[in-house]
C-alpha cells in the first residue's frame, strides 16, 4: 500500500530571512517526516511565507502486496 499526503501552512507574517526559514524546514520537518515513514518528500514554496510538504509513504512489508 502506498499513499501521498500534502500538508500546507502559512506564516502569520512574512519572514525577514527566508533562507533561515527554509533551513529550519530542512533541519526540523524533513527528519521528522522521514522518521514517520516518508519514503520521498518535497517541500514547495506556494507563496510568500507559504509552503506545502508533499510526502510519499509506502509499506513495502505489507502482506497484501505479495
C-alpha atoms as a PDB file:
ATOM      1  CA  UNK A   1       0.000   0.000   0.000  1.00  0.00           C
ATOM      2  CA  UNK A   2       1.285   3.460  -0.833  1.00  0.00           C
ATOM      3  CA  UNK A   3      -0.214   6.872  -0.432  1.00  0.00           C
ATOM      4  CA  UNK A   4       0.714  10.551  -0.561  1.00  0.00           C
ATOM      5  CA  UNK A   5      -0.122  13.401   1.770  1.00  0.00           C
ATOM      6  CA  UNK A   6       0.025  17.140   1.244  1.00  0.00           C
ATOM      7  CA  UNK A   7       0.362  19.493   4.210  1.00  0.00           C
ATOM      8  CA  UNK A   8       0.188  23.239   3.674  1.00  0.00           C
ATOM      9  CA  UNK A   9       0.909  26.058   6.036  1.00  0.00           C
ATOM     10  CA  UNK A  10       1.341  29.819   6.056  1.00  0.00           C
ATOM     11  CA  UNK A  11       3.297  32.034   8.400  1.00  0.00           C
ATOM     12  CA  UNK A  12       1.405  34.805  10.181  1.00  0.00           C
ATOM     13  CA  UNK A  13       3.920  37.368   8.992  1.00  0.00           C
ATOM     14  CA  UNK A  14       6.402  37.481   6.142  1.00  0.00           C
ATOM     15  CA  UNK A  15       9.750  36.056   7.261  1.00  0.00           C
ATOM     16  CA  UNK A  16      12.629  38.514   7.432  1.00  0.00           C
ATOM     17  CA  UNK A  17      15.096  35.830   6.369  1.00  0.00           C
ATOM     18  CA  UNK A  18      13.601  33.261   4.003  1.00  0.00           C
ATOM     19  CA  UNK A  19      16.892  31.354   3.835  1.00  0.00           C
ATOM     20  CA  UNK A  20      16.692  30.778   7.601  1.00  0.00           C
ATOM     21  CA  UNK A  21      13.079  29.621   7.247  1.00  0.00           C
ATOM     22  CA  UNK A  22      13.994  27.080   4.544  1.00  0.00           C
ATOM     23  CA  UNK A  23      16.990  25.889   6.583  1.00  0.00           C
ATOM     24  CA  UNK A  24      14.732  25.365   9.621  1.00  0.00           C
ATOM     25  CA  UNK A  25      12.359  23.306   7.470  1.00  0.00           C
ATOM     26  CA  UNK A  26      15.245  21.162   6.237  1.00  0.00           C
ATOM     27  CA  UNK A  27      16.584  20.734   9.781  1.00  0.00           C
ATOM     28  CA  UNK A  28      13.244  20.035  11.507  1.00  0.00           C
ATOM     29  CA  UNK A  29      10.455  18.953   9.167  1.00  0.00           C
ATOM     30  CA  UNK A  30      12.386  16.696   6.801  1.00  0.00           C
ATOM     31  CA  UNK A  31      13.859  14.449   9.546  1.00  0.00           C
ATOM     32  CA  UNK A  32      10.512  14.375  11.376  1.00  0.00           C
ATOM     33  CA  UNK A  33       8.606  13.233   8.288  1.00  0.00           C
ATOM     34  CA  UNK A  34      11.267  10.688   7.359  1.00  0.00           C
ATOM     35  CA  UNK A  35      11.069   9.285  10.902  1.00  0.00           C
ATOM     36  CA  UNK A  36       7.294   8.966  10.478  1.00  0.00           C
ATOM     37  CA  UNK A  37       7.838   6.755   7.437  1.00  0.00           C
ATOM     38  CA  UNK A  38       8.035   9.010   4.398  1.00  0.00           C
ATOM     39  CA  UNK A  39       9.874   7.352   1.553  1.00  0.00           C
ATOM     40  CA  UNK A  40      10.046  10.534  -0.514  1.00  0.00           C
ATOM     41  CA  UNK A  41       9.175  14.127   0.198  1.00  0.00           C
ATOM     42  CA  UNK A  42       9.242  17.522  -1.448  1.00  0.00           C
ATOM     43  CA  UNK A  43       8.864  20.993   0.022  1.00  0.00           C
ATOM     44  CA  UNK A  44       7.327  23.522  -2.358  1.00  0.00           C
ATOM     45  CA  UNK A  45       7.035  27.266  -1.845  1.00  0.00           C
ATOM     46  CA  UNK A  46       3.467  28.158  -2.785  1.00  0.00           C
ATOM     47  CA  UNK A  47       3.575  31.858  -1.935  1.00  0.00           C
ATOM     48  CA  UNK A  48       5.296  34.419   0.242  1.00  0.00           C
ATOM     49  CA  UNK A  49       5.576  32.776   3.644  1.00  0.00           C
ATOM     50  CA  UNK A  50       3.572  29.757   2.408  1.00  0.00           C
ATOM     51  CA  UNK A  51       4.688  26.234   1.623  1.00  0.00           C
ATOM     52  CA  UNK A  52       3.463  22.719   1.067  1.00  0.00           C
ATOM     53  CA  UNK A  53       5.091  19.463   2.091  1.00  0.00           C
ATOM     54  CA  UNK A  54       4.266  16.598  -0.245  1.00  0.00           C
ATOM     55  CA  UNK A  55       5.240  13.191   1.032  1.00  0.00           C
ATOM     56  CA  UNK A  56       5.010   9.676  -0.314  1.00  0.00           C
ATOM     57  CA  UNK A  57       4.614   6.807   2.106  1.00  0.00           C
ATOM     58  CA  UNK A  58       4.680   3.121   1.297  1.00  0.00           C
ATOM     59  CA  UNK A  59       4.644  -0.059   3.294  1.00  0.00           C
ATOM     60  CA  UNK A  60       6.882  -2.488   1.482  1.00  0.00           C
ATOM     61  CA  UNK A  61       6.297  -5.093   4.176  1.00  0.00           C
ATOM     62  CA  UNK A  62       2.521  -5.086   3.704  1.00  0.00           C
ATOM     63  CA  UNK A  63       1.485  -8.748   3.196  1.00  0.00           C
ATOM     64  CA  UNK A  64      -1.328  -7.680   0.844  1.00  0.00           C
ATOM     65  CA  UNK A  65       1.302  -6.635  -1.709  1.00  0.00           C
ATOM     66  CA  UNK A  66       2.667 -10.184  -2.050  1.00  0.00           C
END
